[in-house]
Amino acid sequence: MHEDSAPESNLPPAPPRTITVTDPSRAEGFILRKSHVVAVCGAALVAAFFLPWFQVLFTNASGFDLAKQGDIYSLFWAMPIFGSIAFIAGATTHKSYKTAAAVAGIVPFAILSYGFTKMNADLFKVLTPGAWFGLCAGAAILLAAAGKK
């Protein structure tokens, strides 16, 4: 054996590999269902609850900060509670995921309506991206809950 040659192997040659091409329209894989959208939006509602909702002077306040104050603000706990219920119902494709999604989707708009009664039109001037994220998640989960299957 020369120094330049490769070492000899006692192994049998590998069998040729076959590649099967299938029709992509018949491929089985992940199919995005409305229940999956409900689960993602439910998780987004829970996340939005902890993001800053508005800024007054140099202070940011999240839904969590407001809910900790008690009294009427205790109703703000509905957002993460119903968001979690929608997440679980959507992730498990439970038959009532549309009902859970509808209730969870209404909550951010109910909170916005309550804010309007307290601040009037000035509310839109102090909202931060966290509030808009929650409203968008609420709208998306309502759209996912609407319609057939």
Protein backbone atom coordinates (compact mmCIF):
# COMPACT_ATOMS: atom_id res chain seq x y z
CA MET A 1 0.00 0.00 0.00
CA HIS A 2 1.33 3.39 -0.96
CA GLU A 3 1.31 6.39 1.31
CA ASP A 4 -0.89 8.32 -1.13
CA SER A 5 -3.67 5.70 -1.42
CA ALA A 6 -6.70 5.43 0.85
CA PRO A 7 -6.86 2.59 3.37
CA GLU A 8 -8.73 -0.50 2.25
CA SER A 9 -12.03 -1.37 3.94
CA ASN A 10 -13.39 -4.82 4.68
CA LEU A 11 -16.99 -3.49 4.75
CA PRO A 12 -19.39 -4.37 1.92
CA PRO A 13 -20.43 -1.48 -0.33
CA ALA A 14 -23.44 0.53 0.88
CA PRO A 15 -26.72 -0.13 -0.93
CA PRO A 16 -27.92 2.66 -3.20
CA ARG A 17 -30.29 5.15 -1.56
CA THR A 18 -33.73 5.66 -2.99
CA ILE A 19 -35.61 8.92 -2.86
CA THR A 20 -39.37 8.90 -3.24
CA VAL A 21 -41.00 12.05 -4.52
CA THR A 22 -44.62 12.45 -3.53
CA ASP A 23 -47.29 14.78 -4.74
CA PRO A 24 -47.19 17.84 -2.40
CA SER A 25 -50.98 18.19 -2.57
CA ARG A 26 -51.31 14.75 -0.98
CA ALA A 27 -48.57 15.19 1.59
CA GLU A 28 -49.54 14.54 5.17
CA GLY A 29 -48.22 16.91 7.75
CA PHE A 30 -49.21 19.78 9.96
CA ILE A 31 -52.51 21.38 9.05
CA LEU A 32 -53.31 24.76 10.60
CA ARG A 33 -56.78 24.64 12.12
CA LYS A 34 -58.86 27.38 13.70
CA SER A 35 -58.36 25.70 17.05
CA HIS A 36 -54.61 26.24 16.69
CA VAL A 37 -55.16 29.94 15.96
CA VAL A 38 -57.38 30.11 19.06
CA ALA A 39 -54.62 28.53 21.15
CA VAL A 40 -51.97 30.99 19.90
CA CYS A 41 -54.27 33.99 20.39
CA GLY A 42 -55.23 32.78 23.87
CA ALA A 43 -51.54 32.65 24.78
CA ALA A 44 -51.10 36.12 23.27
CA LEU A 45 -53.90 37.46 25.49
CA VAL A 46 -52.15 36.07 28.56
CA ALA A 47 -48.85 37.63 27.46
CA ALA A 48 -50.51 40.97 26.69
CA PHE A 49 -51.87 41.10 30.23
CA PHE A 50 -48.31 41.47 31.54
CA LEU A 51 -47.15 44.01 28.93
CA PRO A 52 -47.47 47.76 29.58
CA TRP A 53 -50.90 49.01 28.53
CA PHE A 54 -50.52 52.73 28.96
CA GLN A 55 -48.05 55.36 29.95
CA VAL A 56 -48.79 58.35 32.15
CA LEU A 57 -45.87 60.71 32.66
CA PHE A 58 -42.94 58.33 33.19
CA THR A 59 -44.93 55.40 34.56
CA ASN A 60 -46.05 52.33 32.61
CA ALA A 61 -48.92 50.22 33.89
CA SER A 62 -49.85 46.73 32.74
CA GLY A 63 -53.07 44.83 33.22
CA PHE A 64 -51.33 42.93 36.00
CA ASP A 65 -50.47 46.20 37.79
CA LEU A 66 -54.07 47.36 37.55
CA ALA A 67 -55.58 44.04 38.63
CA LYS A 68 -53.42 44.03 41.77
CA GLN A 69 -55.11 47.26 42.88
CA GLY A 70 -58.35 45.37 43.62
CA ASP A 71 -61.87 46.83 43.62
CA ILE A 72 -63.27 47.12 40.10
CA TYR A 73 -59.82 46.45 38.62
CA SER A 74 -60.07 42.85 39.86
CA LEU A 75 -62.22 42.23 36.80
CA PHE A 76 -59.06 42.64 34.71
CA TRP A 77 -58.04 39.15 35.87
CA ALA A 78 -60.61 37.91 33.34
CA MET A 79 -58.14 38.51 30.51
CA PRO A 80 -55.47 35.96 31.52
CA ILE A 81 -58.08 33.56 32.92
CA PHE A 82 -60.18 33.40 29.75
CA GLY A 83 -57.05 33.60 27.58
CA SER A 84 -55.75 30.49 29.37
CA ILE A 85 -59.07 28.71 28.96
CA ALA A 86 -59.07 29.54 25.23
CA PHE A 87 -55.46 28.34 24.94
CA ILE A 88 -56.26 25.00 26.58
CA ALA A 89 -59.48 24.52 24.60
CA GLY A 90 -57.73 25.39 21.32
CA ALA A 91 -54.64 23.30 22.01
CA THR A 92 -56.70 20.24 22.88
CA THR A 93 -59.20 20.99 20.07
CA HIS A 94 -61.99 20.69 22.62
CA LYS A 95 -65.44 20.97 21.07
CA SER A 96 -66.16 24.20 22.98
CA TYR A 97 -63.06 26.06 21.78
CA LYS A 98 -65.21 28.53 19.80
CA THR A 99 -67.18 29.53 22.90
CA ALA A 100 -63.99 29.94 24.91
CA ALA A 101 -62.47 31.99 22.09
CA ALA A 102 -65.52 34.26 21.82
CA VAL A 103 -65.51 35.02 25.54
CA ALA A 104 -61.73 35.54 25.63
CA GLY A 105 -61.87 37.81 22.58
CA ILE A 106 -64.52 40.08 24.09
CA VAL A 107 -62.54 40.72 27.30
CA PRO A 108 -59.91 43.15 25.87
CA PHE A 109 -62.68 45.21 24.27
CA ALA A 110 -64.66 45.24 27.50
CA ILE A 111 -61.56 46.55 29.29
CA LEU A 112 -61.12 49.19 26.56
CA SER A 113 -64.78 50.20 26.99
CA TYR A 114 -64.25 50.56 30.73
CA GLY A 115 -61.19 52.73 30.02
CA PHE A 116 -63.31 54.94 27.77
CA THR A 117 -65.75 55.57 30.57
CA LYS A 118 -62.89 56.76 32.77
CA MET A 119 -60.69 58.66 30.30
CA ASN A 120 -62.86 59.43 27.24
CA ALA A 121 -60.96 60.05 23.98
CA ASP A 122 -57.68 60.71 25.81
CA LEU A 123 -57.31 56.96 26.24
CA PHE A 124 -55.89 56.49 22.73
CA LYS A 125 -53.15 59.01 23.47
CA VAL A 126 -51.73 56.98 26.36
CA LEU A 127 -52.08 53.41 25.02
CA THR A 128 -48.79 51.57 24.47
CA PRO A 129 -48.01 48.68 22.09
CA GLY A 130 -48.90 46.16 24.82
CA ALA A 131 -52.51 47.37 24.78
CA TRP A 132 -52.66 47.28 20.99
CA PHE A 133 -51.19 43.77 21.03
CA GLY A 134 -53.96 42.64 23.38
CA LEU A 135 -56.65 44.25 21.23
CA CYS A 136 -55.23 42.65 18.07
CA ALA A 137 -55.11 39.25 19.80
CA GLY A 138 -58.71 39.76 20.90
CA ALA A 139 -59.81 40.63 17.36
CA ALA A 140 -57.90 37.67 15.90
CA ILE A 141 -59.37 35.20 18.36
CA LEU A 142 -62.88 36.51 17.63
CA LEU A 143 -62.30 36.06 13.89
CA ALA A 144 -60.99 32.53 14.47
CA ALA A 145 -64.07 31.69 16.52
CA ALA A 146 -66.43 32.99 13.84
CA GLY A 147 -67.69 30.91 10.98
CA LYS A 148 -67.66 27.21 10.23
CA LYS A 149 -65.07 24.75 11.49
